[in-house]
């Protein structure tokens, strides 16, 4: 247990930030999962738009690194484009 006031405050801040980061990462994870589990192309495009917003927001708040967000958005966009191509060829 901490003995200094500043250490106690730091513990409180860390706990609050940890919960905030966990919530935001979980939100991003669910948004990404929703894109990957979409049944139709239209649904996937709409979910991609939402996931992009979520990833941009949490990278702006430094919950995740901006390059990590960019990589995930790129991966999801490739997935949706592949889905579009598969539906067009069927």
Protein backbone atom coordinates (compact mmCIF):
# COMPACT_ATOMS: atom_id res chain seq x y z
CA UNK A 1 0.00 0.00 0.00
CA UNK A 2 1.21 3.49 -0.84
CA UNK A 3 2.23 5.83 1.95
CA UNK A 4 2.36 9.19 0.18
CA UNK A 5 -0.57 11.32 -0.86
CA UNK A 6 0.77 11.60 -4.38
CA UNK A 7 1.09 7.82 -4.67
CA UNK A 8 -2.50 7.35 -3.48
CA UNK A 9 -3.69 9.88 -6.04
CA UNK A 10 -1.68 8.17 -8.74
CA UNK A 11 -3.35 4.86 -7.84
CA UNK A 12 -6.79 6.45 -8.12
CA UNK A 13 -5.93 8.00 -11.48
CA UNK A 14 -4.47 4.76 -12.80
CA UNK A 15 -7.55 2.79 -11.80
CA UNK A 16 -9.85 5.31 -13.48
CA UNK A 17 -7.75 5.39 -16.67
CA UNK A 18 -7.52 1.60 -16.76
CA UNK A 19 -11.30 1.25 -16.62
CA UNK A 20 -11.72 3.94 -19.29
CA UNK A 21 -9.20 2.23 -21.58
CA UNK A 22 -10.74 -1.20 -21.05
CA UNK A 23 -14.21 0.10 -21.94
CA UNK A 24 -12.97 1.79 -25.10
CA UNK A 25 -10.91 -1.19 -26.23
CA UNK A 26 -13.89 -3.48 -25.63
CA UNK A 27 -16.11 -1.14 -27.67
CA UNK A 28 -13.63 -1.23 -30.56
CA UNK A 29 -13.39 -5.00 -30.33
CA UNK A 30 -17.17 -5.38 -30.60
CA UNK A 31 -17.33 -2.92 -33.51
CA UNK A 32 -14.67 -4.89 -35.39
CA UNK A 33 -16.42 -8.16 -34.65
CA UNK A 34 -19.71 -6.74 -35.96
CA UNK A 35 -18.07 -5.92 -39.30
CA UNK A 36 -16.59 -9.40 -39.62
CA UNK A 37 -19.91 -11.08 -38.73
CA UNK A 38 -22.04 -8.99 -41.10
CA UNK A 39 -24.27 -11.08 -43.35
CA UNK A 40 -24.73 -8.67 -46.26
CA UNK A 41 -22.46 -6.18 -47.97
CA UNK A 42 -24.73 -3.25 -47.08
CA UNK A 43 -24.66 -4.26 -43.43
CA UNK A 44 -20.88 -4.67 -43.53
CA UNK A 45 -20.41 -1.21 -45.06
CA UNK A 46 -22.57 0.38 -42.36
CA UNK A 47 -20.75 -1.50 -39.59
CA UNK A 48 -17.41 -0.50 -41.14
CA UNK A 49 -18.43 3.16 -40.93
CA UNK A 50 -19.24 2.76 -37.24
CA UNK A 51 -16.04 0.81 -36.53
CA UNK A 52 -13.98 3.48 -38.28
CA UNK A 53 -15.52 6.16 -36.08
CA UNK A 54 -14.81 4.16 -32.94
CA UNK A 55 -11.20 3.46 -33.93
CA UNK A 56 -10.59 7.10 -34.86
CA UNK A 57 -12.05 8.29 -31.56
CA UNK A 58 -9.98 5.99 -29.35
CA UNK A 59 -6.79 6.66 -31.28
CA UNK A 60 -7.38 10.41 -30.89
CA UNK A 61 -7.68 9.85 -27.12
CA UNK A 62 -4.43 7.81 -27.15
CA UNK A 63 -6.13 4.63 -25.97
CA UNK A 64 -4.52 2.86 -28.91
CA UNK A 65 -1.75 4.06 -31.21
CA UNK A 66 -2.82 5.85 -34.39
CA UNK A 67 -0.98 3.32 -36.58
CA UNK A 68 -2.76 0.44 -34.85
CA UNK A 69 -6.08 2.11 -35.64
CA UNK A 70 -5.00 2.66 -39.24
CA UNK A 71 -3.96 -0.98 -39.62
CA UNK A 72 -7.26 -2.23 -38.24
CA UNK A 73 -9.30 0.10 -40.43
CA UNK A 74 -7.32 -0.99 -43.48
CA UNK A 75 -7.82 -4.65 -42.65
CA UNK A 76 -11.57 -4.17 -42.23
CA UNK A 77 -11.82 -2.19 -45.48
CA UNK A 78 -10.02 -4.99 -47.34
CA UNK A 79 -12.42 -7.49 -45.79
CA UNK A 80 -15.48 -5.50 -46.91
CA UNK A 81 -14.07 -5.00 -50.42
CA UNK A 82 -13.40 -8.73 -50.71
CA UNK A 83 -16.99 -9.35 -49.59
CA UNK A 84 -18.24 -6.96 -52.29
CA UNK A 85 -16.16 -8.73 -54.94
CA UNK A 86 -17.40 -12.16 -53.86
CA UNK A 87 -21.02 -11.03 -54.00
CA UNK A 88 -20.52 -9.45 -57.43
CA UNK A 89 -19.08 -12.65 -58.88
CA UNK A 90 -21.82 -14.91 -57.49
